[in-house]
């Protein structure tokens, strides 16, 4: 039980640090699981990512509130309103055939 708690804390710390870096936090989790000899479920990875989302939303809560307020007022000229089209564009999935494995 204590070993499992320690492994969970280690994976949580890896997720927390790797999420802020321009690298794949998921790859780091998989690598850590391999070296720690763990077999974490996909649900565990989802919970770690959900925890990261909550922390990021809390940290940027003022900015998120201002962006939502700008959207509610259809104010696309303010500092936060100008971010709305960029956020929408960044969330559109893009599929490139350039790197497709065959």
PDB file of N, CA and C in Angstrom:
ATOM      1  N   UNK A   1       0.837  -1.192   0.000  1.00  0.00           N
ATOM      2  CA  UNK A   1       0.000   0.000   0.000  1.00  0.00           C
ATOM      3  C   UNK A   1       0.877   1.249   0.000  1.00  0.00           C
ATOM      4  N   UNK A   2       1.896   1.273   0.877  1.00  0.00           N
ATOM      5  CA  UNK A   2       2.788   2.431   0.956  1.00  0.00           C
ATOM      6  C   UNK A   2       3.593   2.589  -0.335  1.00  0.00           C
ATOM      7  N   UNK A   3       4.017   1.455  -0.906  1.00  0.00           N
ATOM      8  CA  UNK A   3       4.766   1.494  -2.163  1.00  0.00           C
ATOM      9  C   UNK A   3       3.892   2.050  -3.296  1.00  0.00           C
ATOM     10  N   UNK A   4       2.628   1.644  -3.315  1.00  0.00           N
ATOM     11  CA  UNK A   4       1.707   2.135  -4.340  1.00  0.00           C
ATOM     12  C   UNK A   4       1.481   3.648  -4.182  1.00  0.00           C
ATOM     13  N   UNK A   5       1.367   4.120  -2.951  1.00  0.00           N
ATOM     14  CA  UNK A   5       1.204   5.544  -2.689  1.00  0.00           C
ATOM     15  C   UNK A   5       2.439   6.313  -3.141  1.00  0.00           C
ATOM     16  N   UNK A   6       3.610   5.777  -2.859  1.00  0.00           N
ATOM     17  CA  UNK A   6       4.850   6.414  -3.270  1.00  0.00           C
ATOM     18  C   UNK A   6       4.949   6.483  -4.796  1.00  0.00           C
ATOM     19  N   UNK A   7       4.603   5.397  -5.469  1.00  0.00           N
ATOM     20  CA  UNK A   7       4.616   5.385  -6.937  1.00  0.00           C
ATOM     21  C   UNK A   7       3.623   6.385  -7.507  1.00  0.00           C
ATOM     22  N   UNK A   8       2.464   6.497  -6.882  1.00  0.00           N
ATOM     23  CA  UNK A   8       1.459   7.463  -7.326  1.00  0.00           C
ATOM     24  C   UNK A   8       1.974   8.888  -7.163  1.00  0.00           C
ATOM     25  N   UNK A   9       2.630   9.166  -6.062  1.00  0.00           N
ATOM     26  CA  UNK A   9       3.196  10.499  -5.829  1.00  0.00           C
ATOM     27  C   UNK A   9       4.284  10.794  -6.857  1.00  0.00           C
ATOM     28  N   UNK A  10       5.133   9.824  -7.140  1.00  0.00           N
ATOM     29  CA  UNK A  10       6.200  10.008  -8.135  1.00  0.00           C
ATOM     30  C   UNK A  10       5.601  10.308  -9.501  1.00  0.00           C
ATOM     31  N   UNK A  11       4.598   9.522  -9.925  1.00  0.00           N
ATOM     32  CA  UNK A  11       3.969   9.757 -11.226  1.00  0.00           C
ATOM     33  C   UNK A  11       3.257  11.109 -11.255  1.00  0.00           C
ATOM     34  N   UNK A  12       2.647  11.492 -10.151  1.00  0.00           N
ATOM     35  CA  UNK A  12       1.991  12.799 -10.075  1.00  0.00           C
ATOM     36  C   UNK A  12       2.990  13.933 -10.211  1.00  0.00           C
ATOM     37  N   UNK A  13       4.137  13.794  -9.567  1.00  0.00           N
ATOM     38  CA  UNK A  13       5.180  14.820  -9.679  1.00  0.00           C
ATOM     39  C   UNK A  13       5.725  14.898 -11.109  1.00  0.00           C
ATOM     40  N   UNK A  14       5.938  13.749 -11.720  1.00  0.00           N
ATOM     41  CA  UNK A  14       6.412  13.740 -13.108  1.00  0.00           C
ATOM     42  C   UNK A  14       5.396  14.422 -14.010  1.00  0.00           C
ATOM     43  N   UNK A  15       4.118  14.106 -13.829  1.00  0.00           N
ATOM     44  CA  UNK A  15       3.053  14.728 -14.625  1.00  0.00           C
ATOM     45  C   UNK A  15       3.034  16.235 -14.391  1.00  0.00           C
ATOM     46  N   UNK A  16       3.133  16.644 -13.139  1.00  0.00           N
ATOM     47  CA  UNK A  16       3.067  18.060 -12.808  1.00  0.00           C
ATOM     48  C   UNK A  16       4.202  18.860 -13.410  1.00  0.00           C
ATOM     49  N   UNK A  17       5.391  18.313 -13.396  1.00  0.00           N
ATOM     50  CA  UNK A  17       6.545  19.023 -13.956  1.00  0.00           C
ATOM     51  C   UNK A  17       6.530  18.967 -15.477  1.00  0.00           C
ATOM     52  N   UNK A  18       6.288  17.794 -16.032  1.00  0.00           N
ATOM     53  CA  UNK A  18       6.356  17.622 -17.484  1.00  0.00           C
ATOM     54  C   UNK A  18       5.246  18.373 -18.211  1.00  0.00           C
ATOM     55  N   UNK A  19       4.116  18.600 -17.569  1.00  0.00           N
ATOM     56  CA  UNK A  19       3.004  19.281 -18.227  1.00  0.00           C
ATOM     57  C   UNK A  19       3.352  20.720 -18.582  1.00  0.00           C
ATOM     58  N   UNK A  20       4.208  21.351 -17.810  1.00  0.00           N
ATOM     59  CA  UNK A  20       4.566  22.757 -18.048  1.00  0.00           C
ATOM     60  C   UNK A  20       5.682  22.897 -19.071  1.00  0.00           C
ATOM     61  N   UNK A  21       6.324  21.806 -19.415  1.00  0.00           N
ATOM     62  CA  UNK A  21       7.416  21.851 -20.386  1.00  0.00           C
ATOM     63  C   UNK A  21       6.881  21.502 -21.776  1.00  0.00           C
ATOM     64  N   UNK A  22       7.526  21.993 -22.815  1.00  0.00           N
ATOM     65  CA  UNK A  22       7.051  21.690 -24.174  1.00  0.00           C
ATOM     66  C   UNK A  22       7.453  20.280 -24.619  1.00  0.00           C
ATOM     67  N   UNK A  23       7.077  19.310 -23.804  1.00  0.00           N
ATOM     68  CA  UNK A  23       7.375  17.909 -24.080  1.00  0.00           C
ATOM     69  C   UNK A  23       6.115  17.100 -23.786  1.00  0.00           C
ATOM     70  N   UNK A  24       6.136  15.858 -24.146  1.00  0.00           N
ATOM     71  CA  UNK A  24       4.976  15.001 -23.909  1.00  0.00           C
ATOM     72  C   UNK A  24       4.997  14.462 -22.484  1.00  0.00           C
ATOM     73  N   UNK A  25       4.071  14.944 -21.664  1.00  0.00           N
ATOM     74  CA  UNK A  25       4.005  14.439 -20.291  1.00  0.00           C
ATOM     75  C   UNK A  25       3.536  12.985 -20.286  1.00  0.00           C
ATOM     76  N   UNK A  26       2.738  12.608 -21.262  1.00  0.00           N
ATOM     77  CA  UNK A  26       2.269  11.226 -21.349  1.00  0.00           C
ATOM     78  C   UNK A  26       3.440  10.281 -21.592  1.00  0.00           C
ATOM     79  N   UNK A  27       4.352  10.673 -22.466  1.00  0.00           N
ATOM     80  CA  UNK A  27       5.525   9.829 -22.736  1.00  0.00           C
ATOM     81  C   UNK A  27       6.370   9.678 -21.483  1.00  0.00           C
ATOM     82  N   UNK A  28       6.481  10.738 -20.702  1.00  0.00           N
ATOM     83  CA  UNK A  28       7.256  10.643 -19.474  1.00  0.00           C
ATOM     84  C   UNK A  28       6.581   9.718 -18.465  1.00  0.00           C
ATOM     85  N   UNK A  29       5.256   9.759 -18.430  1.00  0.00           N
ATOM     86  CA  UNK A  29       4.538   8.848 -17.532  1.00  0.00           C
ATOM     87  C   UNK A  29       4.757   7.395 -17.944  1.00  0.00           C
ATOM     88  N   UNK A  30       4.666   7.136 -19.235  1.00  0.00           N
ATOM     89  CA  UNK A  30       4.855   5.764 -19.728  1.00  0.00           C
ATOM     90  C   UNK A  30       6.273   5.287 -19.430  1.00  0.00           C
ATOM     91  N   UNK A  31       7.256   6.165 -19.635  1.00  0.00           N
ATOM     92  CA  UNK A  31       8.646   5.818 -19.351  1.00  0.00           C
ATOM     93  C   UNK A  31       8.847   5.550 -17.860  1.00  0.00           C
ATOM     94  N   UNK A  32       8.283   6.413 -17.023  1.00  0.00           N
ATOM     95  CA  UNK A  32       8.404   6.225 -15.573  1.00  0.00           C
ATOM     96  C   UNK A  32       7.732   4.931 -15.139  1.00  0.00           C
ATOM     97  N   UNK A  33       6.559   4.633 -15.699  1.00  0.00           N
ATOM     98  CA  UNK A  33       5.876   3.384 -15.371  1.00  0.00           C
ATOM     99  C   UNK A  33       6.758   2.189 -15.723  1.00  0.00           C
ATOM    100  N   UNK A  34       7.421   2.271 -16.868  1.00  0.00           N
ATOM    101  CA  UNK A  34       8.287   1.177 -17.301  1.00  0.00           C
ATOM    102  C   UNK A  34       9.435   0.966 -16.313  1.00  0.00           C
ATOM    103  N   UNK A  35      10.111   2.051 -15.949  1.00  0.00           N
ATOM    104  CA  UNK A  35      11.272   1.931 -15.059  1.00  0.00           C
ATOM    105  C   UNK A  35      10.881   1.618 -13.620  1.00  0.00           C
ATOM    106  N   UNK A  36       9.673   2.025 -13.220  1.00  0.00           N
ATOM    107  CA  UNK A  36       9.205   1.688 -11.872  1.00  0.00           C
ATOM    108  C   UNK A  36       8.525   0.319 -11.822  1.00  0.00           C
ATOM    109  N   UNK A  37       8.334  -0.276 -12.981  1.00  0.00           N
ATOM    110  CA  UNK A  37       7.693  -1.579 -13.031  1.00  0.00           C
ATOM    111  C   UNK A  37       6.214  -1.531 -12.709  1.00  0.00           C
ATOM    112  N   UNK A  38       5.547  -0.449 -13.090  1.00  0.00           N
ATOM    113  CA  UNK A  38       4.127  -0.285 -12.819  1.00  0.00           C
ATOM    114  C   UNK A  38       3.289  -0.663 -14.031  1.00  0.00           C
ATOM    115  N   UNK A  39       2.054  -0.968 -13.770  1.00  0.00           N
ATOM    116  CA  UNK A  39       1.093  -1.216 -14.833  1.00  0.00           C
ATOM    117  C   UNK A  39      -0.123  -0.345 -14.547  1.00  0.00           C
ATOM    118  N   UNK A  40       0.038   0.948 -14.736  1.00  0.00           N
ATOM    119  CA  UNK A  40      -1.058   1.882 -14.453  1.00  0.00           C
ATOM    120  C   UNK A  40      -2.139   1.746 -15.513  1.00  0.00           C
ATOM    121  N   UNK A  41      -3.366   1.910 -15.086  1.00  0.00           N
ATOM    122  CA  UNK A  41      -4.497   1.809 -16.008  1.00  0.00           C
ATOM    123  C   UNK A  41      -4.637   3.116 -16.789  1.00  0.00           C
ATOM    124  N   UNK A  42      -5.304   3.062 -17.944  1.00  0.00           N
ATOM    125  CA  UNK A  42      -5.560   4.308 -18.684  1.00  0.00           C
ATOM    126  C   UNK A  42      -6.353   5.314 -17.848  1.00  0.00           C
ATOM    127  N   UNK A  43      -7.229   4.821 -16.974  1.00  0.00           N
ATOM    128  CA  UNK A  43      -8.001   5.715 -16.116  1.00  0.00           C
ATOM    129  C   UNK A  43      -7.083   6.515 -15.188  1.00  0.00           C
ATOM    130  N   UNK A  44      -6.016   5.905 -14.717  1.00  0.00           N
ATOM    131  CA  UNK A  44      -5.066   6.612 -13.859  1.00  0.00           C
ATOM    132  C   UNK A  44      -4.423   7.770 -14.612  1.00  0.00           C
ATOM    133  N   UNK A  45      -4.028   7.536 -15.861  1.00  0.00           N
ATOM    134  CA  UNK A  45      -3.459   8.599 -16.690  1.00  0.00           C
ATOM    135  C   UNK A  45      -4.459   9.720 -16.930  1.00  0.00           C
ATOM    136  N   UNK A  46      -5.709   9.352 -17.154  1.00  0.00           N
ATOM    137  CA  UNK A  46      -6.758  10.358 -17.365  1.00  0.00           C
ATOM    138  C   UNK A  46      -6.942  11.190 -16.102  1.00  0.00           C
ATOM    139  N   UNK A  47      -6.919  10.538 -14.949  1.00  0.00           N
ATOM    140  CA  UNK A  47      -7.077  11.260 -13.685  1.00  0.00           C
ATOM    141  C   UNK A  47      -5.900  12.213 -13.460  1.00  0.00           C
ATOM    142  N   UNK A  48      -4.687  11.782 -13.790  1.00  0.00           N
ATOM    143  CA  UNK A  48      -3.534  12.668 -13.662  1.00  0.00           C
ATOM    144  C   UNK A  48      -3.686  13.890 -14.569  1.00  0.00           C
ATOM    145  N   UNK A  49      -4.125  13.678 -15.812  1.00  0.00           N
ATOM    146  CA  UNK A  49      -4.315  14.791 -16.739  1.00  0.00           C
ATOM    147  C   UNK A  49      -5.467  15.691 -16.286  1.00  0.00           C
ATOM    148  N   UNK A  50      -6.504  15.115 -15.737  1.00  0.00           N
ATOM    149  CA  UNK A  50      -7.616  15.910 -15.212  1.00  0.00           C
ATOM    150  C   UNK A  50      -7.146  16.776 -14.047  1.00  0.00           C
ATOM    151  N   UNK A  51      -6.311  16.215 -13.190  1.00  0.00           N
ATOM    152  CA  UNK A  51      -5.740  16.989 -12.090  1.00  0.00           C
ATOM    153  C   UNK A  51      -4.912  18.159 -12.605  1.00  0.00           C
ATOM    154  N   UNK A  52      -4.154  17.915 -13.662  1.00  0.00           N
ATOM    155  CA  UNK A  52      -3.375  18.992 -14.280  1.00  0.00           C
ATOM    156  C   UNK A  52      -4.288  20.071 -14.825  1.00  0.00           C
ATOM    157  N   UNK A  53      -5.376  19.668 -15.470  1.00  0.00           N
ATOM    158  CA  UNK A  53      -6.336  20.629 -16.016  1.00  0.00           C
ATOM    159  C   UNK A  53      -6.919  21.503 -14.917  1.00  0.00           C
ATOM    160  N   UNK A  54      -7.257  20.902 -13.788  1.00  0.00           N
ATOM    161  CA  UNK A  54      -7.821  21.659 -12.666  1.00  0.00           C
ATOM    162  C   UNK A  54      -6.801  22.677 -12.151  1.00  0.00           C
ATOM    163  N   UNK A  55      -5.555  22.268 -12.012  1.00  0.00           N
ATOM    164  CA  UNK A  55      -4.516  23.178 -11.521  1.00  0.00           C
ATOM    165  C   UNK A  55      -4.283  24.320 -12.504  1.00  0.00           C
ATOM    166  N   UNK A  56      -4.214  24.003 -13.788  1.00  0.00           N
ATOM    167  CA  UNK A  56      -4.000  25.046 -14.804  1.00  0.00           C
ATOM    168  C   UNK A  56      -5.183  26.007 -14.829  1.00  0.00           C
ATOM    169  N   UNK A  57      -6.405  25.486 -14.767  1.00  0.00           N
ATOM    170  CA  UNK A  57      -7.593  26.350 -14.748  1.00  0.00           C
ATOM    171  C   UNK A  57      -7.602  27.230 -13.507  1.00  0.00           C
ATOM    172  N   UNK A  58      -7.185  26.693 -12.375  1.00  0.00           N
ATOM    173  CA  UNK A  58      -7.124  27.498 -11.154  1.00  0.00           C
ATOM    174  C   UNK A  58      -6.063  28.586 -11.274  1.00  0.00           C
ATOM    175  N   UNK A  59      -4.912  28.235 -11.788  1.00  0.00           N
ATOM    176  CA  UNK A  59      -3.817  29.187 -11.920  1.00  0.00           C
ATOM    177  C   UNK A  59      -4.186  30.340 -12.859  1.00  0.00           C
ATOM    178  N   UNK A  60      -4.871  30.021 -13.952  1.00  0.00           N
ATOM    179  CA  UNK A  60      -5.244  31.028 -14.946  1.00  0.00           C
ATOM    180  C   UNK A  60      -6.695  31.475 -14.801  1.00  0.00           C
ATOM    181  N   UNK A  61      -7.278  31.320 -13.634  1.00  0.00           N
ATOM    182  CA  UNK A  61      -8.699  31.601 -13.440  1.00  0.00           C
ATOM    183  C   UNK A  61      -9.083  33.030 -13.798  1.00  0.00           C
ATOM    184  N   UNK A  62      -8.249  34.005 -13.482  1.00  0.00           N
ATOM    185  CA  UNK A  62      -8.577  35.397 -13.802  1.00  0.00           C
ATOM    186  C   UNK A  62      -8.583  35.624 -15.308  1.00  0.00           C
ATOM    187  N   UNK A  63      -7.596  35.076 -15.996  1.00  0.00           N
ATOM    188  CA  UNK A  63      -7.536  35.206 -17.444  1.00  0.00           C
ATOM    189  C   UNK A  63      -8.715  34.497 -18.107  1.00  0.00           C
ATOM    190  N   UNK A  64      -9.043  33.309 -17.616  1.00  0.00           N
ATOM    191  CA  UNK A  64     -10.182  32.560 -18.170  1.00  0.00           C
ATOM    192  C   UNK A  64     -11.468  33.337 -17.968  1.00  0.00           C
ATOM    193  N   UNK A  65     -11.639  33.910 -16.776  1.00  0.00           N
ATOM    194  CA  UNK A  65     -12.832  34.719 -16.493  1.00  0.00           C
ATOM    195  C   UNK A  65     -12.916  35.918 -17.439  1.00  0.00           C
ATOM    196  N   UNK A  66     -11.787  36.580 -17.681  1.00  0.00           N
ATOM    197  CA  UNK A  66     -11.782  37.732 -18.586  1.00  0.00           C
ATOM    198  C   UNK A  66     -12.064  37.342 -20.030  1.00  0.00           C
ATOM    199  N   UNK A  67     -11.570  36.197 -20.451  1.00  0.00           N
ATOM    200  CA  UNK A  67     -11.839  35.721 -21.812  1.00  0.00           C
ATOM    201  C   UNK A  67     -13.314  35.379 -21.965  1.00  0.00           C
ATOM    202  N   UNK A  68     -13.879  34.709 -20.974  1.00  0.00           N
ATOM    203  CA  UNK A  68     -15.305  34.368 -21.017  1.00  0.00           C
ATOM    204  C   UNK A  68     -16.162  35.631 -21.015  1.00  0.00           C
ATOM    205  N   UNK A  69     -15.774  36.632 -20.212  1.00  0.00           N
ATOM    206  CA  UNK A  69     -16.518  37.899 -20.178  1.00  0.00           C
ATOM    207  C   UNK A  69     -16.447  38.592 -21.531  1.00  0.00           C
ATOM    208  N   UNK A  70     -15.283  38.592 -22.167  1.00  0.00           N
ATOM    209  CA  UNK A  70     -15.148  39.198 -23.493  1.00  0.00           C
ATOM    210  C   UNK A  70     -16.017  38.457 -24.504  1.00  0.00           C
ATOM    211  N   UNK A  71     -16.064  37.145 -24.415  1.00  0.00           N
ATOM    212  CA  UNK A  71     -16.902  36.357 -25.323  1.00  0.00           C
ATOM    213  C   UNK A  71     -18.376  36.639 -25.085  1.00  0.00           C
ATOM    214  N   UNK A  72     -18.774  36.758 -23.830  1.00  0.00           N
ATOM    215  CA  UNK A  72     -20.177  37.035 -23.501  1.00  0.00           C
ATOM    216  C   UNK A  72     -20.618  38.391 -24.057  1.00  0.00           C
ATOM    217  N   UNK A  73     -19.702  39.352 -24.104  1.00  0.00           N
ATOM    218  CA  UNK A  73     -20.014  40.690 -24.613  1.00  0.00           C
ATOM    219  C   UNK A  73     -19.673  40.837 -26.100  1.00  0.00           C
ATOM    220  N   UNK A  74     -19.240  39.728 -26.716  1.00  0.00           N
ATOM    221  CA  UNK A  74     -18.810  39.731 -28.120  1.00  0.00           C
ATOM    222  C   UNK A  74     -17.788  40.835 -28.375  1.00  0.00           C
ATOM    223  N   UNK A  75     -16.891  40.991 -27.427  1.00  0.00           N
ATOM    224  CA  UNK A  75     -15.850  42.008 -27.492  1.00  0.00           C
ATOM    225  C   UNK A  75     -14.570  41.355 -27.993  1.00  0.00           C
ATOM    226  N   UNK A  76     -14.351  41.435 -29.310  1.00  0.00           N
ATOM    227  CA  UNK A  76     -13.179  40.803 -29.908  1.00  0.00           C
ATOM    228  C   UNK A  76     -12.034  41.791 -30.113  1.00  0.00           C
ATOM    229  N   UNK A  77     -12.188  43.010 -29.620  1.00  0.00           N
ATOM    230  CA  UNK A  77     -11.156  44.034 -29.793  1.00  0.00           C
ATOM    231  C   UNK A  77     -10.315  44.251 -28.539  1.00  0.00           C
ATOM    232  N   UNK A  78     -10.807  43.812 -27.393  1.00  0.00           N
ATOM    233  CA  UNK A  78     -10.047  43.971 -26.157  1.00  0.00           C
ATOM    234  C   UNK A  78      -8.881  42.980 -26.139  1.00  0.00           C
ATOM    235  N   UNK A  79      -8.027  43.158 -25.148  1.00  0.00           N
ATOM    236  CA  UNK A  79      -6.858  42.283 -25.018  1.00  0.00           C
ATOM    237  C   UNK A  79      -7.277  40.811 -24.925  1.00  0.00           C
ATOM    238  N   UNK A  80      -8.287  40.543 -24.110  1.00  0.00           N
ATOM    239  CA  UNK A  80      -8.737  39.165 -23.936  1.00  0.00           C
ATOM    240  C   UNK A  80      -9.630  38.711 -25.084  1.00  0.00           C
ATOM    241  N   UNK A  81     -10.371  39.628 -25.668  1.00  0.00           N
ATOM    242  CA  UNK A  81     -11.222  39.288 -26.801  1.00  0.00           C
ATOM    243  C   UNK A  81     -10.430  38.865 -28.014  1.00  0.00           C
ATOM    244  N   UNK A  82      -9.242  39.426 -28.187  1.00  0.00           N
ATOM    245  CA  UNK A  82      -8.399  39.056 -29.320  1.00  0.00           C
ATOM    246  C   UNK A  82      -7.866  37.629 -29.196  1.00  0.00           C
ATOM    247  N   UNK A  83      -7.905  37.080 -27.999  1.00  0.00           N
ATOM    248  CA  UNK A  83      -7.447  35.701 -27.795  1.00  0.00           C
ATOM    249  C   UNK A  83      -8.481  34.675 -28.249  1.00  0.00           C
ATOM    250  N   UNK A  84      -9.744  35.079 -28.316  1.00  0.00           N
ATOM    251  CA  UNK A  84     -10.823  34.126 -28.617  1.00  0.00           C
ATOM    252  C   UNK A  84     -10.625  33.443 -29.971  1.00  0.00           C
ATOM    253  N   UNK A  85     -10.419  34.182 -31.076  1.00  0.00           N
ATOM    254  CA  UNK A  85     -10.209  33.483 -32.352  1.00  0.00           C
ATOM    255  C   UNK A  85      -8.959  32.603 -32.337  1.00  0.00           C
ATOM    256  N   UNK A  86      -7.948  33.011 -31.610  1.00  0.00           N
ATOM    257  CA  UNK A  86      -6.736  32.204 -31.531  1.00  0.00           C
ATOM    258  C   UNK A  86      -6.990  30.896 -30.786  1.00  0.00           C
ATOM    259  N   UNK A  87      -7.773  30.972 -29.719  1.00  0.00           N
ATOM    260  CA  UNK A  87      -8.105  29.766 -28.956  1.00  0.00           C
ATOM    261  C   UNK A  87      -8.955  28.824 -29.804  1.00  0.00           C
ATOM    262  N   UNK A  88      -9.929  29.383 -30.514  1.00  0.00           N
ATOM    263  CA  UNK A  88     -10.778  28.562 -31.387  1.00  0.00           C
ATOM    264  C   UNK A  88      -9.931  27.903 -32.466  1.00  0.00           C
ATOM    265  N   UNK A  89      -9.065  28.681 -33.096  1.00  0.00           N
ATOM    266  CA  UNK A  89      -8.208  28.126 -34.142  1.00  0.00           C
ATOM    267  C   UNK A  89      -7.262  27.058 -33.631  1.00  0.00           C
ATOM    268  N   UNK A  90      -6.767  27.231 -32.422  1.00  0.00           N
ATOM    269  CA  UNK A  90      -5.827  26.265 -31.856  1.00  0.00           C
ATOM    270  C   UNK A  90      -6.501  24.961 -31.460  1.00  0.00           C
ATOM    271  N   UNK A  91      -7.819  24.976 -31.288  1.00  0.00           N
ATOM    272  CA  UNK A  91      -8.511  23.755 -30.867  1.00  0.00           C
ATOM    273  C   UNK A  91      -9.095  22.971 -32.036  1.00  0.00           C
ATOM    274  N   UNK A  92      -8.982  23.501 -33.253  1.00  0.00           N
ATOM    275  CA  UNK A  92      -9.480  22.779 -34.423  1.00  0.00           C
ATOM    276  C   UNK A  92      -8.490  21.673 -34.767  1.00  0.00           C
ATOM    277  N   UNK A  93      -8.962  20.441 -34.823  1.00  0.00           N
ATOM    278  CA  UNK A  93      -8.056  19.340 -35.162  1.00  0.00           C
ATOM    279  C   UNK A  93      -7.522  19.500 -36.582  1.00  0.00           C
ATOM    280  N   UNK A  94      -6.275  19.166 -36.760  1.00  0.00           N
ATOM    281  CA  UNK A  94      -5.631  19.244 -38.066  1.00  0.00           C
ATOM    282  C   UNK A  94      -5.073  17.881 -38.404  1.00  0.00           C
ATOM    283  N   UNK A  95      -5.371  17.457 -39.602  1.00  0.00           N
ATOM    284  CA  UNK A  95      -4.858  16.165 -40.034  1.00  0.00           C
ATOM    285  C   UNK A  95      -3.984  16.374 -41.247  1.00  0.00           C
ATOM    286  N   UNK A  96      -2.780  15.920 -41.137  1.00  0.00           N
ATOM    287  CA  UNK A  96      -1.836  16.055 -42.237  1.00  0.00           C
ATOM    288  C   UNK A  96      -1.502  14.666 -42.759  1.00  0.00           C
ATOM    289  N   UNK A  97      -1.560  14.500 -44.063  1.00  0.00           N
ATOM    290  CA  UNK A  97      -1.178  13.234 -44.666  1.00  0.00           C
ATOM    291  C   UNK A  97       0.340  13.158 -44.863  1.00  0.00           C
ATOM    292  N   UNK A  98       0.998  14.225 -44.527  1.00  0.00           N
ATOM    293  CA  UNK A  98       2.423  14.308 -44.760  1.00  0.00           C
ATOM    294  C   UNK A  98       3.203  13.282 -43.949  1.00  0.00           C
ATOM    295  N   UNK A  99       2.773  12.989 -42.726  1.00  0.00           N
ATOM    296  CA  UNK A  99       3.522  12.088 -41.860  1.00  0.00           C
ATOM    297  C   UNK A  99       2.775  10.781 -41.591  1.00  0.00           C
ATOM    298  N   UNK A 100       1.877  10.424 -42.463  1.00  0.00           N
ATOM    299  CA  UNK A 100       1.106   9.208 -42.269  1.00  0.00           C
ATOM    300  C   UNK A 100       1.971   7.979 -42.533  1.00  0.00           C
ATOM    301  N   UNK A 101       1.935   7.041 -41.598  1.00  0.00           N
ATOM    302  CA  UNK A 101       2.655   5.785 -41.789  1.00  0.00           C
ATOM    303  C   UNK A 101       1.793   4.856 -42.633  1.00  0.00           C
ATOM    304  N   UNK A 102       2.435   4.145 -43.514  1.00  0.00           N
ATOM    305  CA  UNK A 102       1.678   3.227 -44.378  1.00  0.00           C
ATOM    306  C   UNK A 102       2.144   1.819 -44.198  1.00  0.00           C
TER     307      UNK A 102
END
